[in-house]
Protein backbone atom coordinates (compact mmCIF):
# COMPACT_ATOMS: atom_id res chain seq x y z
CA MET A 1 0.14 0.21 -0.17
CA LYS A 2 0.97 3.24 -0.92
CA ILE A 3 0.20 6.95 -0.05
CA ILE A 4 -0.85 8.96 -3.08
CA ALA A 5 -1.25 12.91 -2.01
CA GLY A 6 -2.37 15.48 -3.97
CA ASN A 7 -1.59 19.22 -3.33
CA TRP A 8 -3.93 21.44 -5.50
CA LYS A 9 -2.08 24.72 -4.10
CA MET A 10 -4.43 27.37 -5.14
CA ASN A 11 -6.37 26.10 -7.98
CA GLY A 12 -9.72 24.04 -8.47
CA THR A 13 -13.23 24.73 -7.39
CA ARG A 14 -15.87 22.92 -5.65
CA THR A 15 -17.26 21.29 -9.20
CA ALA A 16 -13.84 20.26 -10.16
CA LEU A 17 -13.26 18.40 -6.84
CA ALA A 18 -16.43 16.52 -7.06
CA GLU A 19 -15.47 15.21 -10.71
CA MET A 20 -12.29 14.21 -9.19
CA LEU A 21 -14.03 12.44 -6.27
CA ASP A 22 -16.40 10.81 -9.06
CA ALA A 23 -13.22 9.81 -11.13
CA ILE A 24 -11.48 7.97 -8.23
CA ALA A 25 -14.61 6.27 -6.95
CA GLY A 26 -14.37 3.89 -9.94
CA VAL A 27 -11.11 3.01 -9.27
CA THR A 28 -9.92 0.07 -7.13
CA THR A 29 -6.80 0.13 -5.37
CA GLU A 30 -5.14 -0.61 -2.13
CA ASN A 31 -3.36 2.75 -1.95
CA ARG A 32 -4.35 5.54 0.55
CA VAL A 33 -5.13 8.10 -1.31
CA ILE A 34 -5.42 12.21 -0.15
CA LEU A 35 -6.42 15.21 -1.75
CA CYS A 36 -5.19 18.69 -0.03
CA VAL A 37 -7.25 21.18 -1.23
CA PRO A 38 -8.06 24.93 -0.43
CA PHE A 39 -9.77 25.65 2.50
CA THR A 40 -12.88 26.89 0.77
CA MET A 41 -13.16 22.98 -0.51
CA LEU A 42 -12.58 21.29 2.66
CA ARG A 43 -15.35 18.54 3.42
CA ASN A 44 -15.58 14.83 4.46
CA GLY A 45 -13.68 12.35 2.27
CA THR A 46 -15.26 9.61 0.20
CA ASP A 47 -14.76 5.93 1.22
CA ASN A 48 -11.76 5.81 -0.82
CA VAL A 49 -10.54 9.10 -0.71
CA ALA A 50 -9.33 11.47 2.47
CA ILE A 51 -9.44 15.26 2.35
CA GLY A 52 -6.69 17.63 3.58
CA ALA A 53 -5.86 20.91 4.04
CA GLN A 54 -2.53 22.78 2.85
CA ASP A 55 -1.61 24.82 5.95
CA VAL A 56 -2.63 25.27 9.54
CA SER A 57 -2.10 28.10 11.93
CA ALA A 58 0.39 27.91 14.50
CA ASN A 59 -1.99 29.38 16.58
CA VAL A 60 -5.00 27.95 18.67
CA ARG A 61 -7.58 30.78 18.43
CA GLY A 62 -7.49 34.43 18.50
CA ALA A 63 -7.01 38.00 16.79
CA TYR A 64 -5.35 36.17 13.96
CA THR A 65 -7.06 37.82 10.69
CA GLY A 66 -6.76 35.32 7.77
CA GLU A 67 -5.61 32.28 9.86
CA VAL A 68 -7.59 29.18 10.14
CA SER A 69 -7.01 26.76 13.10
CA GLY A 70 -6.33 22.94 13.58
CA ALA A 71 -10.21 22.77 15.04
CA MET A 72 -11.69 24.70 12.50
CA ILE A 73 -10.27 22.11 9.58
CA ALA A 74 -11.07 19.11 11.36
CA GLU A 75 -14.72 20.46 11.85
CA THR A 76 -14.98 20.21 8.25
CA GLY A 77 -14.29 16.55 8.30
CA ALA A 78 -10.85 16.88 6.65
CA LYS A 79 -8.32 14.29 7.98
CA TYR A 80 -4.75 15.58 6.76
CA VAL A 81 -2.98 18.74 7.07
CA ILE A 82 0.19 19.77 4.74
CA VAL A 83 2.64 21.94 7.09
CA GLY A 84 6.11 23.29 5.93
CA HIS A 85 5.46 22.87 2.15
CA SER A 86 8.11 24.27 0.18
CA GLU A 87 6.17 27.25 -0.73
CA ARG A 88 5.26 28.34 2.13
CA ARG A 89 8.68 28.02 3.65
CA MET A 90 10.08 30.15 0.74
CA TYR A 91 7.33 32.93 0.46
CA HIS A 92 6.06 33.16 4.05
CA ASP A 93 9.50 32.45 5.66
CA GLU A 94 8.20 29.39 7.56
CA THR A 95 10.94 28.19 9.64
CA ASN A 96 11.58 24.43 11.07
CA ASP A 97 10.12 25.93 14.79
CA ILE A 98 6.99 27.41 13.18
CA VAL A 99 6.25 24.13 10.97
CA ARG A 100 6.53 22.23 14.48
CA ALA A 101 4.10 24.49 15.97
CA LYS A 102 1.67 23.78 13.10
CA ALA A 103 2.20 19.93 13.05
CA MET A 104 1.61 20.35 16.97
CA ARG A 105 -1.80 22.19 16.16
CA ALA A 106 -2.82 19.49 13.48
CA ILE A 107 -2.03 16.60 16.24
CA GLU A 108 -4.21 18.01 18.95
CA ASN A 109 -6.76 18.09 16.44
CA GLY A 110 -6.44 14.82 15.21
CA LEU A 111 -5.47 15.78 12.07
CA THR A 112 -2.26 13.99 10.45
CA PRO A 113 0.07 16.24 9.31
CA ILE A 114 2.30 15.69 6.15
CA ILE A 115 5.46 17.63 7.39
CA CYS A 116 7.54 18.71 4.14
CA VAL A 117 11.31 18.75 4.11
CA GLY A 118 13.99 19.49 1.41
CA GLU A 119 17.11 21.42 0.19
CA THR A 120 16.95 24.24 -2.49
CA MET A 121 19.43 24.33 -5.56
CA GLU A 122 22.02 26.71 -3.58
CA GLU A 123 22.03 24.12 -0.63
CA LYS A 124 22.25 21.34 -2.84
CA ARG A 125 25.47 22.67 -4.85
CA ALA A 126 26.96 23.44 -1.21
CA GLY A 127 26.65 19.75 -0.51
CA LYS A 128 24.01 20.59 2.36
CA THR A 129 21.03 18.20 1.23
CA PHE A 130 21.60 15.72 4.13
CA ASP A 131 22.03 18.34 6.80
CA ILE A 132 19.06 20.46 5.57
CA ILE A 133 16.85 17.33 5.45
CA THR A 134 17.97 15.58 8.92
CA ASP A 135 17.59 19.23 10.81
CA GLY A 136 14.27 19.53 8.76
CA VAL A 137 12.93 16.28 10.29
CA ARG A 138 14.68 16.88 13.74
CA GLU A 139 13.32 20.26 14.12
CA SER A 140 9.82 20.24 12.38
CA VAL A 141 8.59 17.18 14.09
CA PRO A 142 6.82 17.89 17.64
CA GLU A 143 8.68 16.19 20.53
CA ASN A 144 7.18 13.02 22.19
CA VAL A 145 5.13 12.21 19.19
CA THR A 146 3.39 9.03 19.10
CA ASP A 147 0.44 10.07 16.86
CA ASP A 148 0.39 9.35 12.85
CA ILE A 149 2.45 11.68 11.05
CA ILE A 150 3.87 11.59 7.66
CA ILE A 151 6.99 13.01 6.22
CA ALA A 152 7.20 14.33 2.54
CA TYR A 153 10.68 14.82 0.76
CA GLU A 154 10.40 17.83 -1.56
CA PRO A 155 13.95 18.47 -3.43
CA ARG A 156 13.04 22.30 -4.16
CA TRP A 157 15.30 22.85 -6.69
CA ALA A 158 13.23 20.15 -8.69
CA ILE A 159 9.60 21.45 -7.79
CA GLY A 160 8.03 23.10 -11.03
CA ALA A 161 11.26 22.49 -13.01
CA GLY A 162 10.17 19.54 -14.81
CA ILE A 163 13.15 18.18 -13.15
CA THR A 164 13.20 14.49 -11.42
CA PRO A 165 16.31 13.64 -9.40
CA THR A 166 18.10 10.33 -10.07
CA ALA A 167 16.91 7.04 -8.40
CA GLN A 168 20.12 6.90 -6.24
CA GLU A 169 19.47 10.85 -5.35
CA ILE A 170 15.96 9.93 -3.97
CA ALA A 171 17.25 6.90 -2.37
CA ASP A 172 20.08 8.65 -0.41
CA ALA A 173 17.65 11.20 0.79
CA HIS A 174 14.78 9.23 1.93
CA LYS A 175 17.27 6.68 3.74
CA VAL A 176 18.77 9.79 5.88
CA ILE A 177 15.14 10.72 6.72
CA ALA A 178 14.32 7.19 7.58
CA ASP A 179 17.48 6.74 9.73
CA THR A 180 16.38 10.05 11.41
CA LEU A 181 13.14 9.19 12.15
CA GLY A 182 14.50 6.14 13.46
CA TYR A 183 17.01 7.89 16.19
CA MET A 184 13.81 9.75 17.36
CA GLY A 185 11.94 6.31 17.81
CA LEU A 186 9.54 6.83 15.05
CA ASN A 187 10.33 3.90 12.77
CA GLY A 188 7.74 3.28 10.48
CA THR A 189 6.64 6.88 9.66
CA PRO A 190 5.79 6.86 5.97
CA ILE A 191 7.70 8.81 3.84
CA LEU A 192 6.66 10.50 0.94
CA TYR A 193 8.28 11.83 -2.49
CA GLY A 194 7.23 15.20 -4.34
CA ALA A 195 8.62 16.63 -7.00
CA SER A 196 7.54 16.15 -10.78
CA VAL A 197 5.48 13.27 -10.12
CA ASN A 198 3.42 11.94 -13.17
CA ALA A 199 2.04 8.64 -14.59
CA ASN A 200 5.28 7.79 -16.34
CA ASN A 201 7.54 7.91 -13.36
CA VAL A 202 5.50 6.74 -10.29
CA ALA A 203 6.14 3.24 -10.71
CA ASP A 204 10.23 3.55 -10.77
CA ILE A 205 9.70 6.23 -7.94
CA VAL A 206 7.67 4.17 -5.47
CA ALA A 207 9.62 1.31 -5.98
CA ILE A 208 12.67 2.99 -4.55
CA LYS A 209 13.63 1.84 -1.07
CA ASN A 210 11.91 3.82 1.77
CA VAL A 211 9.61 5.62 -0.40
CA ASP A 212 6.11 5.08 0.93
CA GLY A 213 3.87 7.25 -1.47
CA VAL A 214 3.92 10.40 -3.45
CA LEU A 215 3.04 14.09 -3.09
CA VAL A 216 1.67 15.24 -6.20
CA GLY A 217 1.38 19.01 -7.48
CA GLY A 218 -0.19 19.81 -10.93
CA ALA A 219 -0.75 16.18 -11.74
CA SER A 220 -3.39 16.12 -9.01
CA LEU A 221 -5.70 18.53 -10.48
CA LYS A 222 -6.66 16.61 -13.79
CA PRO A 223 -8.59 13.36 -13.01
CA GLN A 224 -6.80 11.76 -16.52
CA GLU A 225 -3.54 12.69 -14.95
CA PHE A 226 -4.02 11.80 -11.46
CA VAL A 227 -5.89 8.47 -11.79
CA PRO A 228 -3.28 6.85 -13.69
CA ILE A 229 -0.79 8.03 -11.09
CA ILE A 230 -3.06 6.13 -8.52
CA ASN A 231 -2.92 2.81 -10.57
CA ASN A 232 0.46 2.88 -11.44
CA ALA A 233 1.94 3.09 -8.05
CA LYS A 234 2.02 -0.27 -6.92
């Protein structure tokens, strides 16, 4: 069983979500499918698709205009939330400390956080890949976690660039993450890969050791692209 998570980012409509859910309803798969959609589309999932949010406030409640709390997300029926996505880190200057606080708010409200870590091209060229992702895991995962969490490895230099790291690069990064989680007493935590995933490469990607699924961007917006990814990930 693999986890196939789609991140719609700031795209889509309620109608598009209904069409996607209808398309996936006809799919027979053992994979766990998650769609992380904008706040306006959050709802209960279906028999074979769980719904998640793309962010959550680090605060519990209060005068934080524009923020959405973990309790508010949970009330919609959503079960997951992405925290620390590369775009949040890049455009909103989110640090590992902020991501950890958001992950904690998610857990407190019964949501499973999908905690993203990954290196930029500058960090990759400087030979800091393993340091960045190790620190990302250690500092973004709340202490004393015993609840369900998911880690997503995003090589930030590949996202949106149509670049897929080599199988060895993916394997090396996922091993470092798996080892770090092991040191933290979190053996068995699922680790997703996310960057330029499509129907043609997903089978090869999920066959790599320590890759437990994928976090899909643009290809998760269209049923004709997302359904084949679900089917091909075995």
